[in-house]
Amino acid sequence: MKQNLMRMISLVLLVCTVALCFSACGDGKPEHVDYAAEHVFDPASTDTVKAEVTVKNFVDGDTTHFFVPTTIAESGVLKARYLGINTPESTGQIEPYGKKAASFTKEKLSSATSIYIESDNTTWNLDSTGARHLVWVWYKTADSETYRNLNLEIMQNGLAVQSNSAQNRYGASCVAAYNQAVAEALHVHSGVKDPDFYYGEAIELTLNALRCNIADYVGKTVAFEAIVVKNSGQDGVYVEAYDPETDMYNGIYLYYAANATPAVRELLKIGTRLRVAGKISEFNGSYQISDVSYSHYHPSAKDLQKLDDELHEASYTLTDPKTFKTGKVDILTEDAKVTYDYAALALHSSISFENLKVVRMSTTTNPTSSSKGAITLYCQAPDGTEITVRTAVLYDESGNLITQSYFEGKTINVKGIVDYYDPSNGDAEDVESNGFYYQVKLLSLSDVTILES
């Protein structure tokens, strides 16, 4: 009897011990630590430099452009690279979970009532590109009195890997947040495919990354997001996409061929936002995307895909003529800075110029040319910069051909597509110089406004 009683007591003690363990440890896993709230942020402390900021552009998971006092950056904009973390790419060649990391950062900072950036010490430090500042990002929302460290929050949610994590101010927490995310098998550590990433033959990238290195992709199938902005009138459309890193639009010509299916033509309506997929090819010295397809019954990663039901506006970015002709743009990679001509990066995107004075003209007269009747307008901006505007063959509402007299001596506003002209690929009579140059292509008469004298 005594032995049975002892067994019963032992069983009760065992049950109680197990119950207490599960009560304290949940399902037996280590307790989740909120490292983003582990450190107390004091805006008034002087052991580091810091500044309250607002967001200019969201770039990706670990890069944001902030408006800052001009005492920190003369331009008033600081390109911030988050310390201690490295999120998957969403601005170059897209990587799994890159878009999710970018969305996470945007969601957190968009809901913030106050944002601070903090350096790792008492000076503002640049990364290896020399163009981005290395910072910790702190934010708080309307329902909180304390700031959260966004770098650590991204890390503990499994949306980043380590980047010199142990060698900075909050290094121990960075490493611990990383190890916890790995143990919890979150996102990039889960071994599960990213549902927002297209796995397969098409190379996922941004239109900016494609425009920067387009020759490298000839013959390859690529995929990117873009908006259809203009019909070419020759079985093709122009598409463009905004790049937050450079704060400009990039474009490309999409050739769909005369035998394109009705489904493809329907998807390529002006204003449609698409996941564009197709093969990069070269035609008359220019690059384009072709071999586009769509199948309602057998969709694949190589198909066009409509991304929403809204109709989006073309940017028609109002541009300074001097910037167009001589401007340079820096493209930042993880460890380098590459400089491009502004017009080269803007190629095939929509653009506009104001107050261009038409100073001379030429018209294609070659009877065998499909451009017979097209006009080249050599214009001068108020600052003296020369801009070349090339029209398609244009007609008025009555069907009459538009000739040089329509533009002679006029000052005009134009909106069109960034194009370029290579004399070796066209009508020599249309060119007043022997070299390659960028120009604006007008595809309809509605794209030009004649200003009153």
Protein backbone atom coordinates (compact mmCIF):
# COMPACT_ATOMS: atom_id res chain seq x y z
CA MET A 1 0.00 0.00 0.00
CA LYS A 2 2.81 2.35 0.95
CA GLN A 3 4.65 1.44 -2.27
CA ASN A 4 1.57 2.22 -4.38
CA LEU A 5 1.18 5.53 -2.59
CA MET A 6 4.79 6.44 -3.35
CA ARG A 7 4.25 5.56 -7.01
CA MET A 8 1.18 7.77 -7.14
CA ILE A 9 3.06 10.66 -5.52
CA SER A 10 5.93 10.22 -7.99
CA LEU A 11 3.49 10.21 -10.93
CA VAL A 12 1.79 13.36 -9.67
CA LEU A 13 5.18 15.06 -9.26
CA LEU A 14 6.17 14.03 -12.79
CA VAL A 15 2.93 15.36 -14.24
CA CYS A 16 3.35 18.62 -12.34
CA THR A 17 6.94 18.96 -13.53
CA VAL A 18 5.95 18.41 -17.17
CA ALA A 19 3.04 20.84 -16.81
CA LEU A 20 5.31 23.48 -15.33
CA CYS A 21 7.81 22.92 -18.14
CA PHE A 22 5.19 23.35 -20.83
CA SER A 23 3.79 26.35 -18.98
CA ALA A 24 7.19 27.98 -18.92
CA CYS A 25 8.48 26.78 -22.26
CA GLY A 26 5.34 26.55 -24.38
CA ASP A 27 5.88 23.74 -26.85
CA GLY A 28 9.35 23.02 -25.58
CA LYS A 29 11.08 25.55 -27.86
CA PRO A 30 13.23 28.36 -26.43
CA GLU A 31 11.32 31.52 -25.63
CA HIS A 32 11.27 34.03 -28.53
CA VAL A 33 13.26 37.17 -27.71
CA ASP A 34 12.26 40.54 -29.19
CA TYR A 35 15.73 41.90 -29.90
CA ALA A 36 14.28 44.94 -31.68
CA ALA A 37 13.02 46.21 -28.31
CA GLU A 38 15.98 45.01 -26.24
CA HIS A 39 17.92 48.28 -26.44
CA VAL A 40 16.60 51.61 -25.20
CA PHE A 41 17.09 54.41 -27.71
CA ASP A 42 17.71 57.89 -26.33
CA PRO A 43 17.59 60.64 -29.00
CA ALA A 44 19.35 63.03 -26.60
CA SER A 45 22.39 60.86 -25.91
CA THR A 46 25.76 62.09 -27.21
CA ASP A 47 27.73 58.85 -27.52
CA THR A 48 26.69 58.54 -31.19
CA VAL A 49 25.50 60.93 -33.91
CA LYS A 50 21.84 60.63 -34.80
CA ALA A 51 19.10 62.56 -36.57
CA GLU A 52 15.34 62.48 -36.89
CA VAL A 53 14.44 61.86 -40.54
CA THR A 54 11.61 61.22 -42.97
CA VAL A 55 11.55 58.81 -45.89
CA LYS A 56 12.21 60.03 -49.43
CA ASN A 57 12.39 56.66 -51.21
CA PHE A 58 12.09 53.04 -50.16
CA VAL A 59 14.74 51.13 -52.12
CA ASP A 60 14.89 47.60 -50.71
CA GLY A 61 14.98 45.76 -47.39
CA ASP A 62 18.26 47.24 -46.18
CA THR A 63 18.47 50.52 -48.12
CA THR A 64 16.31 53.62 -47.71
CA HIS A 65 16.77 57.23 -48.80
CA PHE A 66 15.94 59.72 -46.05
CA PHE A 67 15.43 63.47 -45.99
CA VAL A 68 18.01 64.85 -43.54
CA PRO A 69 19.28 68.26 -42.42
CA THR A 70 21.76 69.77 -44.87
CA THR A 71 24.33 69.76 -42.07
CA ILE A 72 24.46 65.97 -42.53
CA ALA A 73 24.15 65.79 -46.34
CA GLU A 74 24.43 68.88 -48.52
CA SER A 75 21.73 67.60 -50.87
CA GLY A 76 19.31 67.11 -47.99
CA VAL A 77 19.06 63.40 -48.83
CA LEU A 78 20.99 60.60 -47.17
CA LYS A 79 21.20 57.17 -48.80
CA ALA A 80 21.14 54.82 -45.84
CA ARG A 81 22.55 51.29 -45.80
CA TYR A 82 21.39 49.38 -42.72
CA LEU A 83 24.19 48.23 -40.42
CA GLY A 84 24.69 44.58 -39.49
CA ILE A 85 22.27 43.03 -41.99
CA ASN A 86 22.05 42.05 -45.64
CA THR A 87 18.58 41.39 -47.06
CA PRO A 88 17.94 39.46 -50.30
CA GLU A 89 18.04 41.61 -53.44
CA SER A 90 14.91 43.27 -54.77
CA THR A 91 16.47 46.05 -56.89
CA GLY A 92 18.97 44.23 -59.11
CA GLN A 93 18.67 40.58 -59.98
CA ILE A 94 15.78 39.60 -57.73
CA GLU A 95 16.38 36.96 -55.04
CA PRO A 96 13.90 34.84 -53.06
CA TYR A 97 12.37 36.80 -50.17
CA GLY A 98 13.83 40.05 -51.53
CA LYS A 99 10.43 41.57 -52.22
CA LYS A 100 9.14 40.40 -48.84
CA ALA A 101 12.07 42.07 -47.06
CA ALA A 102 11.50 45.30 -49.00
CA SER A 103 7.78 45.23 -48.16
CA PHE A 104 8.56 44.59 -44.49
CA THR A 105 10.79 47.67 -44.25
CA LYS A 106 8.30 49.83 -46.12
CA GLU A 107 5.41 48.70 -43.92
CA LYS A 108 7.25 49.40 -40.67
CA LEU A 109 8.50 52.86 -41.62
CA SER A 110 5.27 53.88 -43.36
CA SER A 111 3.39 53.41 -40.07
CA ALA A 112 6.01 55.27 -38.01
CA THR A 113 5.29 58.57 -36.30
CA SER A 114 9.00 59.19 -35.70
CA ILE A 115 12.14 57.80 -37.36
CA TYR A 116 15.75 58.27 -36.28
CA ILE A 117 18.96 57.17 -37.93
CA GLU A 118 22.02 56.53 -35.78
CA SER A 119 25.63 56.03 -36.73
CA ASP A 120 27.73 53.37 -35.02
CA ASN A 121 29.88 56.05 -33.41
CA THR A 122 30.31 59.83 -33.28
CA THR A 123 30.75 60.35 -37.04
CA TRP A 124 28.62 59.61 -40.12
CA ASN A 125 30.33 56.71 -41.90
CA LEU A 126 30.16 55.73 -45.58
CA ASP A 127 29.99 52.21 -46.98
CA SER A 128 32.46 50.80 -49.52
CA THR A 129 30.70 52.57 -52.43
CA GLY A 130 31.35 55.95 -50.84
CA ALA A 131 27.76 56.97 -51.56
CA ARG A 132 25.70 55.36 -48.79
CA HIS A 133 25.85 55.95 -45.05
CA LEU A 134 25.91 53.03 -42.62
CA VAL A 135 23.20 53.51 -40.00
CA TRP A 136 20.93 51.95 -37.44
CA VAL A 137 17.29 52.80 -38.01
CA TRP A 138 14.90 53.38 -35.09
CA TYR A 139 11.17 54.00 -35.31
CA LYS A 140 8.11 54.27 -33.13
CA THR A 141 4.42 54.21 -33.92
CA ALA A 142 1.36 55.98 -32.51
CA ASP A 143 0.65 53.16 -30.06
CA SER A 144 4.18 53.07 -28.60
CA GLU A 145 6.30 55.41 -26.50
CA THR A 146 9.54 53.55 -27.20
CA TYR A 147 11.64 53.14 -30.34
CA ARG A 148 12.32 49.82 -32.03
CA ASN A 149 15.54 48.95 -33.85
CA LEU A 150 14.49 48.10 -37.40
CA ASN A 151 17.82 46.45 -38.30
CA LEU A 152 17.36 43.92 -35.50
CA GLU A 153 13.66 43.49 -36.30
CA ILE A 154 14.46 42.58 -39.90
CA MET A 155 17.10 40.13 -38.72
CA GLN A 156 14.92 38.41 -36.10
CA ASN A 157 12.17 37.94 -38.68
CA GLY A 158 14.46 35.91 -40.89
CA LEU A 159 14.61 38.45 -43.70
CA ALA A 160 18.36 39.04 -43.62
CA VAL A 161 21.71 37.38 -43.13
CA GLN A 162 24.66 38.74 -41.20
CA SER A 163 26.88 41.50 -42.56
CA ASN A 164 29.76 42.24 -40.18
CA SER A 165 27.12 41.80 -37.52
CA ALA A 166 29.44 41.22 -34.59
CA GLN A 167 31.68 44.18 -35.38
CA ASN A 168 29.38 47.02 -34.42
CA ARG A 169 27.53 48.71 -31.62
CA TYR A 170 24.69 46.21 -31.30
CA GLY A 171 26.71 43.26 -32.54
CA ALA A 172 25.79 40.75 -29.83
CA SER A 173 22.08 41.35 -30.39
CA CYS A 174 22.54 41.16 -34.17
CA VAL A 175 24.19 37.75 -33.92
CA ALA A 176 21.63 36.52 -31.41
CA ALA A 177 18.72 37.71 -33.59
CA TYR A 178 20.24 35.91 -36.57
CA ASN A 179 20.75 32.67 -34.64
CA GLN A 180 17.20 32.83 -33.30
CA ALA A 181 15.75 33.29 -36.81
CA VAL A 182 17.79 30.31 -38.02
CA ALA A 183 16.58 28.18 -35.08
CA GLU A 184 12.98 29.21 -35.77
CA ALA A 185 13.44 28.51 -39.52
CA LEU A 186 11.98 31.86 -40.59
CA HIS A 187 11.77 32.98 -44.23
CA VAL A 188 15.28 32.83 -45.78
CA HIS A 189 16.21 30.15 -43.23
CA SER A 190 13.05 28.09 -43.70
CA GLY A 191 14.01 25.96 -46.66
CA VAL A 192 10.57 26.83 -48.08
CA LYS A 193 10.23 28.44 -51.49
CA ASP A 194 9.23 32.09 -51.52
CA PRO A 195 5.64 32.23 -52.85
CA ASP A 196 6.31 35.70 -54.33
CA PHE A 197 9.35 34.59 -56.33
CA TYR A 198 9.15 32.97 -59.77
CA TYR A 199 11.40 29.93 -59.93
CA GLY A 200 12.28 28.68 -63.39
CA GLU A 201 13.88 29.69 -66.66
CA ALA A 202 13.17 33.44 -66.52
CA ILE A 203 15.82 35.53 -64.75
CA GLU A 204 14.03 37.77 -62.22
CA LEU A 205 15.47 41.28 -62.12
CA THR A 206 14.50 44.94 -62.26
CA LEU A 207 14.25 46.97 -65.43
CA ASN A 208 17.02 49.19 -64.09
CA ALA A 209 19.36 46.21 -63.67
CA LEU A 210 18.46 45.06 -67.17
CA ARG A 211 19.08 48.50 -68.70
CA CYS A 212 22.48 48.76 -66.96
CA ASN A 213 23.77 45.44 -68.32
CA ILE A 214 21.42 44.63 -71.19
CA ALA A 215 24.08 43.23 -73.53
CA ASP A 216 24.77 40.49 -70.98
CA TYR A 217 21.20 39.20 -71.31
CA VAL A 218 20.92 38.86 -75.10
CA GLY A 219 19.34 35.50 -75.92
CA LYS A 220 18.21 34.99 -72.33
CA THR A 221 14.68 35.00 -70.94
CA VAL A 222 14.17 37.70 -68.30
CA ALA A 223 11.25 38.88 -66.17
CA PHE A 224 10.57 42.25 -64.54
CA GLU A 225 7.70 44.50 -63.48
CA ALA A 226 6.74 47.46 -65.69
CA ILE A 227 3.87 49.61 -66.94
CA VAL A 228 2.84 49.82 -70.60
CA VAL A 229 3.15 53.51 -71.55
CA LYS A 230 3.00 53.89 -75.34
CA ASN A 231 2.14 52.06 -78.54
CA SER A 232 4.85 52.20 -81.17
CA GLY A 233 2.39 51.69 -84.00
CA GLN A 234 4.57 48.83 -85.30
CA ASP A 235 3.50 45.73 -83.36
CA GLY A 236 5.19 46.86 -80.20
CA VAL A 237 4.84 48.92 -77.04
CA TYR A 238 7.15 50.79 -74.71
CA VAL A 239 7.18 49.80 -71.05
CA GLU A 240 8.81 51.55 -68.09
CA ALA A 241 9.43 51.12 -64.38
CA TYR A 242 10.50 53.47 -61.58
CA ASP A 243 13.84 52.86 -59.87
CA PRO A 244 13.96 54.29 -56.33
CA GLU A 245 17.76 54.06 -56.07
CA THR A 246 18.32 56.49 -58.96
CA ASP A 247 14.93 58.26 -58.62
CA MET A 248 14.31 57.90 -62.36
CA TYR A 249 12.45 55.74 -64.86
CA ASN A 250 13.93 53.05 -67.10
CA GLY A 251 12.27 51.69 -70.21
CA ILE A 252 12.49 49.11 -72.96
CA TYR A 253 10.74 48.37 -76.24
CA LEU A 254 8.56 45.27 -76.23
CA TYR A 255 7.99 43.69 -79.63
CA TYR A 256 4.99 41.39 -79.74
CA ALA A 257 4.85 40.67 -83.51
CA ALA A 258 1.96 40.90 -85.92
CA ASN A 259 0.81 37.36 -85.17
CA ALA A 260 0.47 37.93 -81.41
CA THR A 261 -2.58 36.29 -79.85
CA PRO A 262 -5.57 38.42 -78.82
CA ALA A 263 -4.75 37.59 -75.17
CA VAL A 264 -1.26 39.09 -75.52
CA ARG A 265 -2.60 42.22 -77.21
CA GLU A 266 -5.22 42.62 -74.47
CA LEU A 267 -2.54 42.49 -71.77
CA LEU A 268 -0.46 45.13 -73.52
CA LYS A 269 -3.03 47.92 -73.27
CA ILE A 270 -1.71 51.33 -72.25
CA GLY A 271 -1.60 51.73 -68.46
CA THR A 272 -1.43 48.02 -67.64
CA ARG A 273 1.03 47.00 -64.92
CA LEU A 274 2.66 43.72 -65.85
CA ARG A 275 5.18 41.15 -64.94
CA VAL A 276 6.90 41.20 -68.32
CA ALA A 277 8.67 38.02 -69.42
CA GLY A 278 10.44 37.48 -72.70
CA LYS A 279 13.75 37.11 -74.49
CA ILE A 280 16.25 39.93 -74.98
CA SER A 281 17.23 40.40 -78.61
CA GLU A 282 19.10 42.96 -80.68
CA PHE A 283 17.56 44.72 -83.68
CA ASN A 284 19.24 47.42 -85.75
CA GLY A 285 21.70 48.15 -82.98
CA SER A 286 19.00 48.46 -80.32
CA TYR A 287 17.90 46.00 -77.65
CA GLN A 288 14.32 44.90 -77.18
CA ILE A 289 12.30 42.23 -75.45
CA SER A 290 10.45 39.76 -77.65
CA ASP A 291 9.01 36.22 -77.69
CA VAL A 292 6.32 37.26 -75.23
CA SER A 293 3.45 34.87 -74.57
CA TYR A 294 0.38 34.26 -72.47
CA SER A 295 -1.69 31.15 -71.87
CA HIS A 296 -4.84 31.22 -69.78
CA TYR A 297 -4.94 27.44 -69.57
CA HIS A 298 -1.25 26.59 -69.20
CA PRO A 299 0.46 29.59 -67.54
CA SER A 300 4.20 29.47 -66.97
CA ALA A 301 6.96 31.61 -65.49
CA LYS A 302 7.75 32.76 -69.06
CA ASP A 303 4.29 34.29 -69.56
CA LEU A 304 3.13 37.88 -69.31
CA GLN A 305 1.14 38.42 -66.12
CA LYS A 306 -1.23 41.27 -65.26
CA LEU A 307 -0.42 42.49 -61.73
CA ASP A 308 -3.50 44.56 -60.93
CA ASP A 309 -6.69 45.92 -62.47
CA GLU A 310 -5.75 49.61 -62.28
CA LEU A 311 -4.71 51.75 -65.22
CA HIS A 312 -1.43 53.52 -64.47
CA GLU A 313 -0.14 56.80 -65.90
CA ALA A 314 3.07 57.12 -67.88
CA SER A 315 5.64 59.21 -66.03
CA TYR A 316 6.51 61.66 -68.85
CA THR A 317 9.22 62.89 -66.50
CA LEU A 318 9.74 66.63 -66.92
CA THR A 319 13.46 66.78 -67.54
CA ASP A 320 16.10 69.49 -67.67
CA PRO A 321 17.58 69.46 -71.21
CA LYS A 322 21.13 69.83 -69.90
CA THR A 323 20.66 66.82 -67.62
CA PHE A 324 19.37 64.84 -70.58
CA LYS A 325 22.35 65.74 -72.76
CA THR A 326 25.22 65.64 -70.26
CA GLY A 327 23.89 64.26 -66.96
CA LYS A 328 25.47 61.29 -65.22
CA VAL A 329 23.86 58.72 -62.91
CA ASP A 330 25.63 56.63 -60.28
CA ILE A 331 24.49 53.03 -59.86
CA LEU A 332 25.42 51.52 -56.52
CA THR A 333 26.14 47.83 -56.04
CA GLU A 334 27.09 46.15 -52.79
CA ASP A 335 30.69 47.30 -53.04
CA ALA A 336 31.07 49.60 -56.04
CA LYS A 337 29.73 52.63 -57.88
CA VAL A 338 29.31 52.65 -61.67
CA THR A 339 28.51 55.84 -63.61
CA TYR A 340 26.19 55.92 -66.65
CA ASP A 341 24.92 58.61 -69.01
CA TYR A 342 21.48 59.83 -67.94
CA ALA A 343 19.94 59.40 -71.39
CA ALA A 344 21.31 55.85 -71.70
CA LEU A 345 19.53 54.79 -68.53
CA ALA A 346 16.35 56.67 -69.51
CA LEU A 347 16.25 55.04 -72.96
CA HIS A 348 12.72 54.01 -74.04
CA SER A 349 11.09 55.58 -70.98
CA SER A 350 8.58 58.44 -71.24
CA ILE A 351 9.91 61.99 -70.92
CA SER A 352 8.84 65.60 -71.45
CA PHE A 353 10.52 68.93 -72.19
CA GLU A 354 9.15 72.45 -72.10
CA ASN A 355 9.86 75.65 -74.03
CA LEU A 356 11.87 74.18 -76.89
CA LYS A 357 12.43 76.60 -79.76
CA VAL A 358 12.41 74.92 -83.18
CA VAL A 359 15.45 76.34 -84.98
CA ARG A 360 15.77 74.02 -87.99
CA MET A 361 14.17 70.88 -89.44
CA SER A 362 14.60 68.06 -91.89
CA THR A 363 12.11 65.60 -93.37
CA THR A 364 12.57 62.05 -94.58
CA THR A 365 11.93 62.05 -98.32
CA ASN A 366 13.21 58.60 -99.29
CA PRO A 367 10.23 57.07 -101.17
CA THR A 368 11.16 53.53 -100.08
CA SER A 369 11.39 54.40 -96.39
CA SER A 370 8.54 53.62 -93.98
CA SER A 371 9.47 56.94 -92.32
CA LYS A 372 8.77 59.01 -95.43
CA GLY A 373 7.22 62.23 -94.11
CA ALA A 374 8.66 61.96 -90.59
CA ILE A 375 10.26 65.19 -89.36
CA THR A 376 13.37 65.82 -87.26
CA LEU A 377 13.12 69.01 -85.21
CA TYR A 378 16.35 70.54 -84.00
CA CYS A 379 15.35 72.56 -80.94
CA GLN A 380 17.00 74.86 -78.47
CA ALA A 381 16.12 75.05 -74.78
CA PRO A 382 16.09 78.40 -72.92
CA ASP A 383 19.59 77.67 -71.55
CA GLY A 384 20.94 77.06 -75.07
CA THR A 385 21.01 73.27 -74.85
CA GLU A 386 20.08 71.60 -78.13
CA ILE A 387 17.48 68.81 -78.09
CA THR A 388 16.53 66.73 -81.12
CA VAL A 389 12.88 65.72 -81.49
CA ARG A 390 11.96 63.06 -84.04
CA THR A 391 8.33 62.64 -85.06
CA ALA A 392 6.56 59.65 -86.47
CA VAL A 393 4.66 60.29 -89.70
CA LEU A 394 1.90 62.52 -88.29
CA TYR A 395 -1.54 63.49 -89.58
CA ASP A 396 -4.05 66.08 -88.39
CA GLU A 397 -7.70 65.36 -87.56
CA SER A 398 -8.65 65.70 -91.23
CA GLY A 399 -6.06 63.16 -92.30
CA ASN A 400 -3.64 65.70 -93.76
CA LEU A 401 0.07 65.02 -93.45
CA ILE A 402 1.83 67.25 -90.91
CA THR A 403 4.74 69.03 -92.60
CA GLN A 404 7.52 71.35 -91.46
CA SER A 405 5.28 74.40 -91.75
CA TYR A 406 3.35 73.18 -88.72
CA PHE A 407 6.44 73.64 -86.52
CA GLU A 408 8.37 76.38 -88.29
CA GLY A 409 9.54 79.10 -85.89
CA LYS A 410 7.42 77.66 -83.06
CA THR A 411 8.17 77.10 -79.40
CA ILE A 412 6.84 73.75 -78.22
CA ASN A 413 6.29 71.50 -75.23
CA VAL A 414 6.79 67.83 -76.01
CA LYS A 415 6.22 64.48 -74.35
CA GLY A 416 7.53 61.35 -75.93
CA ILE A 417 9.83 58.36 -75.65
CA VAL A 418 13.58 58.58 -75.15
CA ASP A 419 15.12 57.24 -78.34
CA TYR A 420 18.46 57.37 -80.07
CA TYR A 421 19.59 57.69 -83.64
CA ASP A 422 22.51 55.93 -85.23
CA PRO A 423 23.19 57.23 -88.77
CA SER A 424 24.45 53.82 -89.86
CA ASN A 425 20.99 52.33 -89.24
CA GLY A 426 18.75 54.92 -90.92
CA ASP A 427 18.32 57.71 -93.40
CA ALA A 428 21.44 59.87 -93.54
CA GLU A 429 19.38 62.80 -94.78
CA ASP A 430 17.68 62.99 -91.39
CA VAL A 431 20.87 63.72 -89.50
CA GLU A 432 22.91 66.89 -89.27
CA SER A 433 25.76 65.20 -87.47
CA ASN A 434 27.68 62.03 -88.21
CA GLY A 435 27.48 60.58 -84.72
CA PHE A 436 25.10 58.60 -82.57
CA TYR A 437 22.86 60.73 -80.35
CA TYR A 438 19.83 60.52 -78.05
CA GLN A 439 16.58 62.20 -79.00
CA VAL A 440 12.89 62.37 -78.12
CA LYS A 441 10.46 60.38 -80.25
CA LEU A 442 6.95 61.77 -80.76
CA LEU A 443 4.45 59.10 -81.75
CA SER A 444 1.28 61.19 -81.99
CA LEU A 445 0.34 64.80 -82.65
CA SER A 446 -1.22 65.03 -79.19
CA ASP A 447 2.28 64.68 -77.73
CA VAL A 448 3.26 68.20 -78.83
CA THR A 449 1.85 71.53 -77.68
CA ILE A 450 2.46 74.68 -79.71
CA LEU A 451 3.01 77.61 -77.36
CA GLU A 452 1.65 81.05 -78.17
CA SER A 453 4.30 83.52 -79.32
